[in-house]
């Protein structure tokens, strides 16, 4: 196991190098970050040359890539370069935004996995039952709804719920415009009240799509496993249905879900862009939208590299979990 982890970590190094080169090339194709600044008013050639020298855009592509990659590995992720916004360290701001989004995504993933696996397993065991048809219909409805529509409907519902609570004399609970910048305060119960009110709507909006995906994958995987010869043989030998399902079938049926969820973590950042924009969160979604709008190359690069590292790490975790779920898989 230890040798496998080391080998996978070593394989991740060339993957990250290739990813970094592709990311740098794509960001370079975004355009000139100083284009708008040059058009704001007439600039002298000396001013333009000084600005390009300050940003490093006067150097060839490969020289800029090698310099940026070396600095990134050592912890220097660059600074903002657009005049009027220049000089802000990318790393501190990005990691702060990453922490906010990570809490949201992990909470949504855990809830979606638990609900999706439970509904998928029950739907497979009770195939063609009323529960199965209802769960299938709800899953398809959720999966077909655009994320921004889900977020907007939840936000409107949260506002109405707050108005109703206020009319009854209670405090407003749902936060529809981002968590407080100064954090949560008060006693434990008060902080729990504030925390739940701030996180519930963005989390639900991400859970809806993920739950629909996981429940369908789990149902299909569980049906295939239940019809496998070894499960039928176990039941023919007198093993109870519950033991056959949870001890023999479920472990193997979880493997496709682990694969999908590990890949879906990266996609969660894409969903967070929409969710955080709707609910005005200062997370990775807002960070990348502002970076692209202003054409801040090093902010976009930081976002893409953090996402790449996150995806590779979760794929490694998924591979390790395979061995625990299925003893036939050997990590040598």
Protein backbone atom coordinates (compact mmCIF):
# COMPACT_ATOMS: atom_id res chain seq x y z
CA UNK A 1 0.00 0.00 0.00
CA UNK A 2 2.74 2.45 0.98
CA UNK A 3 4.69 1.74 -2.22
CA UNK A 4 1.54 2.24 -4.27
CA UNK A 5 0.88 5.64 -2.69
CA UNK A 6 4.48 6.72 -3.30
CA UNK A 7 4.27 5.53 -6.92
CA UNK A 8 1.02 7.42 -7.49
CA UNK A 9 2.47 10.56 -5.95
CA UNK A 10 5.46 10.30 -8.27
CA UNK A 11 3.15 9.81 -11.27
CA UNK A 12 1.26 12.93 -10.17
CA UNK A 13 4.35 15.09 -10.68
CA UNK A 14 4.46 14.84 -14.52
CA UNK A 15 0.66 15.13 -14.57
CA UNK A 16 0.87 18.42 -12.68
CA UNK A 17 3.67 19.64 -14.97
CA UNK A 18 1.58 18.94 -18.06
CA UNK A 19 -1.50 20.48 -16.40
CA UNK A 20 0.46 23.58 -15.41
CA UNK A 21 1.76 24.04 -18.97
CA UNK A 22 -1.72 23.66 -20.46
CA UNK A 23 -3.18 26.03 -17.87
CA UNK A 24 -0.48 28.60 -18.55
CA UNK A 25 -1.11 28.37 -22.28
CA UNK A 26 -4.88 28.79 -21.85
CA UNK A 27 -4.45 31.74 -19.53
CA UNK A 28 -1.99 33.31 -21.95
CA UNK A 29 -4.67 33.04 -24.62
CA UNK A 30 -7.13 35.03 -22.47
CA UNK A 31 -5.67 38.23 -23.84
CA UNK A 32 -3.59 41.17 -22.74
CA UNK A 33 -4.27 42.10 -19.09
CA UNK A 34 -3.09 45.65 -19.85
CA UNK A 35 -5.32 46.17 -22.92
CA UNK A 36 -8.08 48.03 -21.07
CA UNK A 37 -5.53 50.11 -19.16
CA UNK A 38 -3.91 51.23 -22.42
CA UNK A 39 -7.27 52.36 -23.81
CA UNK A 40 -8.35 54.38 -20.77
CA UNK A 41 -6.20 57.32 -21.86
CA UNK A 42 -3.20 57.94 -24.11
CA UNK A 43 -0.07 56.23 -22.79
CA UNK A 44 3.50 56.99 -23.75
CA UNK A 45 5.66 54.16 -25.12
CA UNK A 46 7.80 54.42 -21.98
CA UNK A 47 4.76 53.93 -19.72
CA UNK A 48 3.60 50.93 -21.72
CA UNK A 49 7.07 49.36 -21.77
CA UNK A 50 7.44 49.87 -17.99
CA UNK A 51 4.03 48.28 -17.36
CA UNK A 52 4.87 45.21 -19.47
CA UNK A 53 8.24 44.88 -17.77
CA UNK A 54 6.57 45.04 -14.35
CA UNK A 55 4.09 42.30 -15.26
CA UNK A 56 6.70 40.19 -17.08
CA UNK A 57 4.68 40.15 -20.30
CA UNK A 58 7.64 41.53 -22.23
CA UNK A 59 9.39 38.15 -21.96
CA UNK A 60 8.88 35.13 -24.27
CA UNK A 61 6.20 32.59 -23.40
CA UNK A 62 8.53 29.78 -22.27
CA UNK A 63 10.62 32.08 -20.08
CA UNK A 64 7.49 33.36 -18.37
CA UNK A 65 6.21 29.80 -17.86
CA UNK A 66 9.46 28.52 -16.35
CA UNK A 67 9.72 31.53 -14.05
CA UNK A 68 6.09 31.25 -12.93
CA UNK A 69 6.30 27.46 -12.39
CA UNK A 70 9.44 27.81 -10.30
CA UNK A 71 7.92 30.55 -8.17
CA UNK A 72 4.65 28.60 -7.77
CA UNK A 73 6.43 25.50 -6.45
CA UNK A 74 8.29 27.61 -3.87
CA UNK A 75 5.06 29.22 -2.64
CA UNK A 76 5.14 32.48 -4.60
CA UNK A 77 1.93 32.42 -6.61
CA UNK A 78 2.37 35.90 -8.03
CA UNK A 79 0.49 39.16 -7.64
CA UNK A 80 -2.32 40.91 -9.43
CA UNK A 81 -1.04 42.84 -12.44
CA UNK A 82 -3.90 44.98 -13.76
CA UNK A 83 -3.19 48.65 -12.94
CA UNK A 84 -5.49 49.93 -10.22
CA UNK A 85 -5.66 46.43 -8.79
CA UNK A 86 -1.97 45.53 -8.95
CA UNK A 87 0.25 44.29 -6.15
CA UNK A 88 -2.22 42.08 -4.25
CA UNK A 89 -0.73 38.66 -3.34
CA UNK A 90 -2.64 35.89 -5.09
CA UNK A 91 -1.88 33.10 -2.61
CA UNK A 92 -3.42 34.59 0.54
CA UNK A 93 -6.62 35.69 -1.16
CA UNK A 94 -6.99 32.42 -3.07
CA UNK A 95 -6.48 30.18 -0.02
CA UNK A 96 -9.00 32.22 1.98
CA UNK A 97 -11.56 31.80 -0.81
CA UNK A 98 -10.63 28.12 -1.15
CA UNK A 99 -11.34 27.48 2.53
CA UNK A 100 -14.83 28.98 2.23
CA UNK A 101 -15.68 26.95 -0.88
CA UNK A 102 -14.13 23.75 0.46
CA UNK A 103 -16.42 23.74 3.50
CA UNK A 104 -19.42 24.23 1.24
CA UNK A 105 -18.43 21.55 -1.28
CA UNK A 106 -17.47 18.92 1.29
CA UNK A 107 -20.73 19.41 3.18
CA UNK A 108 -22.73 19.11 -0.05
CA UNK A 109 -20.76 16.05 -1.22
CA UNK A 110 -21.17 14.19 2.08
CA UNK A 111 -24.92 14.85 2.23
CA UNK A 112 -25.41 14.00 -1.46
CA UNK A 113 -23.42 10.76 -1.13
CA UNK A 114 -25.31 9.58 1.94
CA UNK A 115 -28.73 10.36 0.43
CA UNK A 116 -27.80 9.15 -3.06
CA UNK A 117 -26.38 5.82 -1.85
CA UNK A 118 -29.34 5.19 0.48
CA UNK A 119 -31.97 6.00 -2.14
CA UNK A 120 -30.10 4.09 -4.86
CA UNK A 121 -29.75 0.95 -2.74
CA UNK A 122 -33.40 0.95 -1.63
CA UNK A 123 -34.52 1.61 -5.21
CA UNK A 124 -32.48 -1.34 -6.49
CA UNK A 125 -33.64 -3.72 -3.75
CA UNK A 126 -37.26 -2.68 -4.29
CA UNK A 127 -37.06 -2.43 -8.07
CA UNK A 128 -40.24 -1.25 -9.82
CA UNK A 129 -41.89 -0.42 -6.50
CA UNK A 130 -43.67 2.86 -5.77
CA UNK A 131 -40.56 4.08 -3.96
CA UNK A 132 -38.37 3.22 -6.97
CA UNK A 133 -40.63 5.02 -9.44
CA UNK A 134 -40.92 8.06 -7.15
CA UNK A 135 -37.17 8.25 -6.52
CA UNK A 136 -36.46 7.85 -10.24
CA UNK A 137 -38.88 10.64 -11.15
CA UNK A 138 -37.50 13.01 -8.51
CA UNK A 139 -33.91 12.24 -9.55
CA UNK A 140 -34.58 12.94 -13.23
CA UNK A 141 -36.42 16.15 -12.33
CA UNK A 142 -33.52 17.33 -10.16
CA UNK A 143 -30.92 16.33 -12.75
CA UNK A 144 -32.70 18.25 -15.51
CA UNK A 145 -32.91 21.50 -13.54
CA UNK A 146 -30.15 24.08 -14.23
CA UNK A 147 -28.18 24.87 -11.10
CA UNK A 148 -28.78 28.61 -11.30
CA UNK A 149 -32.55 27.99 -11.41
CA UNK A 150 -32.35 25.81 -8.31
CA UNK A 151 -30.30 28.46 -6.50
CA UNK A 152 -32.65 31.29 -7.47
CA UNK A 153 -35.76 29.34 -6.43
CA UNK A 154 -34.16 28.47 -3.08
CA UNK A 155 -33.13 32.07 -2.55
CA UNK A 156 -36.66 33.31 -3.23
CA UNK A 157 -38.03 30.66 -0.89
CA UNK A 158 -35.54 31.65 1.80
CA UNK A 159 -36.62 35.28 1.60
CA UNK A 160 -40.28 34.30 1.97
CA UNK A 161 -39.44 32.06 4.92
CA UNK A 162 -37.59 34.94 6.60
CA UNK A 163 -40.56 37.23 6.06
CA UNK A 164 -42.86 34.64 7.62
CA UNK A 165 -40.56 34.13 10.60
CA UNK A 166 -40.36 37.87 11.12
CA UNK A 167 -44.15 38.17 10.98
CA UNK A 168 -44.41 35.62 13.81
CA UNK A 169 -41.95 37.57 15.96
CA UNK A 170 -39.03 35.19 15.40
CA UNK A 171 -35.58 36.14 14.13
CA UNK A 172 -34.72 35.95 10.46
CA UNK A 173 -32.89 32.68 9.91
CA UNK A 174 -31.91 32.20 6.27
CA UNK A 175 -28.93 34.21 5.00
CA UNK A 176 -29.36 34.95 1.29
CA UNK A 177 -26.41 37.32 0.76
CA UNK A 178 -23.36 35.42 2.00
CA UNK A 179 -22.12 34.62 5.51
CA UNK A 180 -21.06 37.53 7.74
CA UNK A 181 -17.55 38.74 6.92
CA UNK A 182 -16.68 39.05 10.61
CA UNK A 183 -17.68 35.43 11.26
CA UNK A 184 -20.20 33.95 13.67
CA UNK A 185 -20.50 35.18 17.26
CA UNK A 186 -22.43 34.46 20.44
CA UNK A 187 -23.08 31.24 22.33
CA UNK A 188 -22.81 27.80 20.73
CA UNK A 189 -26.54 27.64 19.99
CA UNK A 190 -26.47 31.14 18.48
CA UNK A 191 -23.48 30.27 16.30
CA UNK A 192 -25.17 27.05 15.21
CA UNK A 193 -28.27 29.06 14.29
CA UNK A 194 -26.18 31.52 12.26
CA UNK A 195 -24.05 28.82 10.64
CA UNK A 196 -27.03 26.73 9.54
CA UNK A 197 -28.83 29.77 8.19
CA UNK A 198 -25.80 30.80 6.14
CA UNK A 199 -24.95 27.38 4.71
CA UNK A 200 -28.32 25.70 4.20
CA UNK A 201 -29.38 27.24 0.86
CA UNK A 202 -26.01 27.04 -0.99
CA UNK A 203 -25.54 23.49 0.31
CA UNK A 204 -29.00 22.36 -0.79
CA UNK A 205 -28.51 23.88 -4.26
CA UNK A 206 -25.34 21.81 -4.73
CA UNK A 207 -26.84 18.69 -3.11
CA UNK A 208 -29.82 18.63 -5.50
CA UNK A 209 -27.76 17.97 -8.63
CA UNK A 210 -25.23 15.69 -6.94
CA UNK A 211 -27.91 13.61 -5.24
CA UNK A 212 -29.69 12.97 -8.54
CA UNK A 213 -26.44 11.80 -10.13
CA UNK A 214 -25.33 9.57 -7.25
CA UNK A 215 -28.72 7.93 -6.72
CA UNK A 216 -28.95 6.91 -10.39
CA UNK A 217 -25.40 5.54 -10.47
CA UNK A 218 -25.91 3.68 -7.18
CA UNK A 219 -29.19 2.12 -8.31
CA UNK A 220 -27.69 0.89 -11.60
CA UNK A 221 -24.56 -0.44 -9.89
CA UNK A 222 -26.55 -2.14 -7.13
CA UNK A 223 -28.89 -3.83 -9.63
CA UNK A 224 -25.91 -5.22 -11.54
CA UNK A 225 -24.29 -6.48 -8.34
CA UNK A 226 -27.50 -8.07 -6.98
CA UNK A 227 -27.79 -10.10 -10.18
CA UNK A 228 -24.19 -11.31 -9.97
CA UNK A 229 -23.57 -15.04 -9.53
CA UNK A 230 -21.77 -14.73 -6.19
CA UNK A 231 -24.69 -12.86 -4.62
CA UNK A 232 -27.19 -15.43 -5.88
CA UNK A 233 -24.97 -18.23 -4.60
CA UNK A 234 -24.74 -16.60 -1.18
CA UNK A 235 -28.53 -16.30 -0.99
CA UNK A 236 -28.95 -19.90 -2.18
CA UNK A 237 -26.75 -21.04 0.72
CA UNK A 238 -29.22 -19.50 3.16
CA UNK A 239 -27.62 -16.12 3.87
CA UNK A 240 -30.25 -13.56 4.81
CA UNK A 241 -31.15 -10.86 2.31
CA UNK A 242 -29.84 -8.12 4.58
CA UNK A 243 -26.44 -9.78 4.95
CA UNK A 244 -26.23 -10.51 1.22
CA UNK A 245 -27.00 -6.87 0.44
CA UNK A 246 -24.82 -5.09 2.98
CA UNK A 247 -21.94 -7.55 3.39
CA UNK A 248 -21.52 -8.80 -0.17
CA UNK A 249 -23.33 -6.63 -2.71
CA UNK A 250 -23.03 -3.09 -1.36
CA UNK A 251 -19.24 -3.04 -1.04
CA UNK A 252 -18.72 -3.82 -4.73
CA UNK A 253 -21.61 -1.59 -5.78
CA UNK A 254 -19.91 1.39 -4.11
CA UNK A 255 -16.87 1.30 -6.40
CA UNK A 256 -18.50 3.18 -9.35
CA UNK A 257 -19.84 5.80 -6.92
CA UNK A 258 -16.37 6.39 -5.52
CA UNK A 259 -15.07 6.91 -9.05
CA UNK A 260 -17.82 9.36 -9.94
CA UNK A 261 -17.60 11.29 -6.67
CA UNK A 262 -13.81 11.65 -6.85
CA UNK A 263 -14.10 13.14 -10.33
CA UNK A 264 -17.11 15.18 -9.29
CA UNK A 265 -15.16 17.03 -6.60
CA UNK A 266 -13.47 19.11 -9.29
CA UNK A 267 -16.78 19.75 -11.00
CA UNK A 268 -18.04 20.97 -7.63
CA UNK A 269 -15.85 24.05 -8.00
CA UNK A 270 -17.65 24.79 -11.28
CA UNK A 271 -21.01 24.50 -9.55
CA UNK A 272 -19.73 26.68 -6.73
CA UNK A 273 -19.08 29.47 -9.24
CA UNK A 274 -22.82 29.68 -9.95
CA UNK A 275 -23.95 29.05 -6.38
CA UNK A 276 -21.62 31.61 -4.84
CA UNK A 277 -22.57 34.19 -7.44
CA UNK A 278 -26.28 33.78 -6.68
CA UNK A 279 -25.78 33.84 -2.89
CA UNK A 280 -22.98 36.43 -2.95
CA UNK A 281 -20.36 34.27 -1.27
CA UNK A 282 -16.71 35.39 -1.29
CA UNK A 283 -15.40 31.95 -2.18
CA UNK A 284 -13.64 30.41 -5.18
CA UNK A 285 -16.63 31.13 -7.40
CA UNK A 286 -16.51 34.87 -6.85
CA UNK A 287 -12.70 34.76 -6.94
CA UNK A 288 -12.50 33.18 -10.40
CA UNK A 289 -15.34 35.27 -11.87
CA UNK A 290 -13.61 38.49 -10.84
CA UNK A 291 -10.22 37.18 -12.01
CA UNK A 292 -11.55 36.32 -15.48
CA UNK A 293 -13.48 39.58 -15.76
CA UNK A 294 -10.38 41.64 -14.93
CA UNK A 295 -8.05 39.29 -16.89
CA UNK A 296 -5.83 38.65 -13.89
CA UNK A 297 -3.59 35.83 -15.19
CA UNK A 298 -1.98 34.75 -11.93
CA UNK A 299 -5.29 34.55 -10.09
CA UNK A 300 -6.75 32.34 -12.83
CA UNK A 301 -3.61 30.18 -12.82
CA UNK A 302 -3.78 29.78 -9.06
CA UNK A 303 -7.42 28.69 -9.25
CA UNK A 304 -6.72 26.15 -12.01
CA UNK A 305 -3.68 24.65 -10.26
CA UNK A 306 -5.41 24.33 -6.87
CA UNK A 307 -8.30 22.58 -8.62
CA UNK A 308 -5.90 20.24 -10.45
CA UNK A 309 -4.10 19.28 -7.22
CA UNK A 310 -7.45 18.72 -5.52
CA UNK A 311 -8.70 16.40 -8.28
CA UNK A 312 -5.47 14.36 -8.34
CA UNK A 313 -5.53 14.00 -4.55
CA UNK A 314 -9.12 12.74 -4.50
CA UNK A 315 -8.40 10.29 -7.33
CA UNK A 316 -5.60 8.86 -5.20
CA UNK A 317 -7.98 8.55 -2.23
CA UNK A 318 -10.50 6.79 -4.50
CA UNK A 319 -7.91 4.26 -5.67
CA UNK A 320 -6.98 3.46 -2.07
CA UNK A 321 -10.63 2.98 -1.13
CA UNK A 322 -11.04 0.48 -3.97
CA UNK A 323 -8.72 -1.96 -2.18
CA UNK A 324 -10.71 -1.73 1.05
CA UNK A 325 -14.04 -2.31 -0.71
CA UNK A 326 -12.92 -5.10 -3.04
CA UNK A 327 -10.17 -7.48 -1.78
CA UNK A 328 -9.62 -8.66 -5.37
CA UNK A 329 -8.05 -5.29 -6.16
CA UNK A 330 -4.37 -5.29 -5.26
CA UNK A 331 -2.40 -2.08 -4.88
CA UNK A 332 1.12 -3.41 -5.47
